[in-house]
């Protein structure tokens, strides 16, 4: 299956770095992230771990976007940030780590610390 190319990953990370200001001032603060689905995600059966419906069902679209960025772009977290346009949550990316598009929650448990141990 085709994974995300480096230029695709870079473009999506750049987009997510500073979300557009589209919400009124008194709105809840939520991260604004793209929903990134790979061929693996779109081809997975409903109960497969790679199917988006199993990632964060209670968190809705915001949770789906957050989890897809973690799995498919390598996002490691969100940090509070502020600029002239206001407060927002900025994604954090690893300086090095899994290859672009590699599902960081894969089933390989032979590497301690991979986040897949039970």
Foldseek 3Di string as FASTA:
>chain_A
DDFDDPVRLVVQLVDQQDDDPDDDPPDDAARDHDQDADPCQVPDDPPDPSDLCPQCVVPPPSSNRVQNCCFQNVFDDWDWDADPVGIHIGTDHDPDDDDHRHGLQDCDPPDPPSPPDD
